[in-house]
Amino acid sequence: MATIDFKIKNVKDRSGLGATVATIDGSIDAASIQQFQSVMDKLVERGVKNLILDCSKVTYINSTGLGTLLKYADQFDGFGGHIAFIR
């Protein structure tokens, strides 16, 4: 079973606006999607509103992974939050 690793940290800009940065390491595919969703659900449950996904270490995303990313983008938008994808 493939794994996906997350490194999560909180950051603030000069004005004090906070965000959570999640660096993803691995593939987002059928083998890792449940683990990915579990981490994302925990972030939502913790009340994260502004999420930055650092994809610099993502090696592959299949169509299931893309659909899941869109689902969470819509979910964050629905409660006034934001997801940004970098790298």
Protein backbone atom coordinates (compact mmCIF):
# COMPACT_ATOMS: atom_id res chain seq x y z
CA MET A 1 0.00 0.00 0.00
CA ALA A 2 1.35 3.38 -0.98
CA THR A 3 1.67 6.02 1.65
CA ILE A 4 1.54 9.73 1.60
CA ASP A 5 3.26 11.90 4.17
CA PHE A 6 2.26 15.33 5.39
CA LYS A 7 4.30 17.96 7.19
CA ILE A 8 1.95 20.54 8.64
CA LYS A 9 2.81 23.93 10.10
CA ASN A 10 0.99 27.15 10.87
CA VAL A 11 2.22 30.46 9.48
CA LYS A 12 1.21 34.11 9.73
CA ASP A 13 1.91 37.00 7.41
CA ARG A 14 3.00 40.46 8.59
CA SER A 15 -0.59 41.56 9.09
CA GLY A 16 -1.29 38.56 11.34
CA LEU A 17 -3.39 36.59 8.84
CA GLY A 18 -2.84 32.92 9.55
CA ALA A 19 -2.74 29.87 7.33
CA THR A 20 -1.82 26.22 7.58
CA VAL A 21 0.83 24.89 5.21
CA ALA A 22 0.71 21.18 4.41
CA THR A 23 3.68 19.81 2.49
CA ILE A 24 2.63 16.62 0.73
CA ASP A 25 5.20 13.91 -0.03
CA GLY A 26 4.13 11.03 -2.29
CA SER A 27 1.38 10.21 -4.74
CA ILE A 28 -2.29 11.12 -4.48
CA ASP A 29 -3.92 8.09 -6.06
CA ALA A 30 -6.20 5.14 -5.33
CA ALA A 31 -3.64 3.58 -2.96
CA SER A 32 -3.25 6.70 -0.80
CA ILE A 33 -6.57 8.53 -1.20
CA GLN A 34 -8.07 7.34 2.09
CA GLN A 35 -5.01 8.51 4.01
CA PHE A 36 -5.11 11.85 2.14
CA GLN A 37 -8.81 12.31 2.94
CA SER A 38 -8.24 11.43 6.59
CA VAL A 39 -5.62 14.17 6.98
CA MET A 40 -7.75 16.70 5.10
CA ASP A 41 -10.81 15.86 7.22
CA LYS A 42 -8.78 16.35 10.40
CA LEU A 43 -7.66 19.78 9.17
CA VAL A 44 -11.29 20.74 8.51
CA GLU A 45 -12.32 19.44 11.95
CA ARG A 46 -9.57 21.53 13.56
CA GLY A 47 -11.14 24.61 11.98
CA VAL A 48 -8.46 25.36 9.38
CA LYS A 49 -9.83 28.06 7.09
CA ASN A 50 -6.80 28.95 4.97
CA LEU A 51 -4.84 25.97 3.68
CA ILE A 52 -1.76 26.06 1.48
CA LEU A 53 -0.90 22.72 -0.11
CA ASP A 54 2.79 22.56 -1.03
CA CYS A 55 2.94 20.02 -3.86
CA SER A 56 6.71 20.21 -4.48
CA LYS A 57 7.15 16.58 -3.37
CA VAL A 58 4.03 15.17 -5.03
CA THR A 59 5.18 12.60 -7.56
CA TYR A 60 1.83 11.73 -9.13
CA ILE A 61 -1.87 12.63 -8.96
CA ASN A 62 -4.44 10.44 -10.71
CA SER A 63 -8.00 11.41 -11.64
CA THR A 64 -9.33 10.24 -8.25
CA GLY A 65 -6.80 12.51 -6.54
CA LEU A 66 -7.75 15.48 -8.72
CA GLY A 67 -11.43 14.94 -8.00
CA THR A 68 -10.71 14.79 -4.28
CA LEU A 69 -8.68 18.01 -4.42
CA LEU A 70 -11.62 19.73 -6.15
CA LYS A 71 -14.02 18.35 -3.53
CA TYR A 72 -11.98 19.92 -0.74
CA ALA A 73 -11.57 23.19 -2.65
CA ASP A 74 -15.38 23.38 -2.90
CA GLN A 75 -15.76 22.42 0.76
CA PHE A 76 -13.38 25.15 1.93
CA ASP A 77 -15.11 27.66 -0.35
CA GLY A 78 -18.45 26.65 1.15
CA PHE A 79 -17.44 27.72 4.65
CA GLY A 80 -15.58 30.86 3.59
CA GLY A 81 -12.12 29.31 3.56
CA HIS A 82 -9.49 29.01 0.88
CA ILE A 83 -7.09 26.41 -0.50
CA ALA A 84 -4.01 27.46 -2.43
CA PHE A 85 -1.79 25.05 -4.34
CA ILE A 86 1.89 25.95 -4.60
CA ARG A 87 4.92 24.46 -6.28
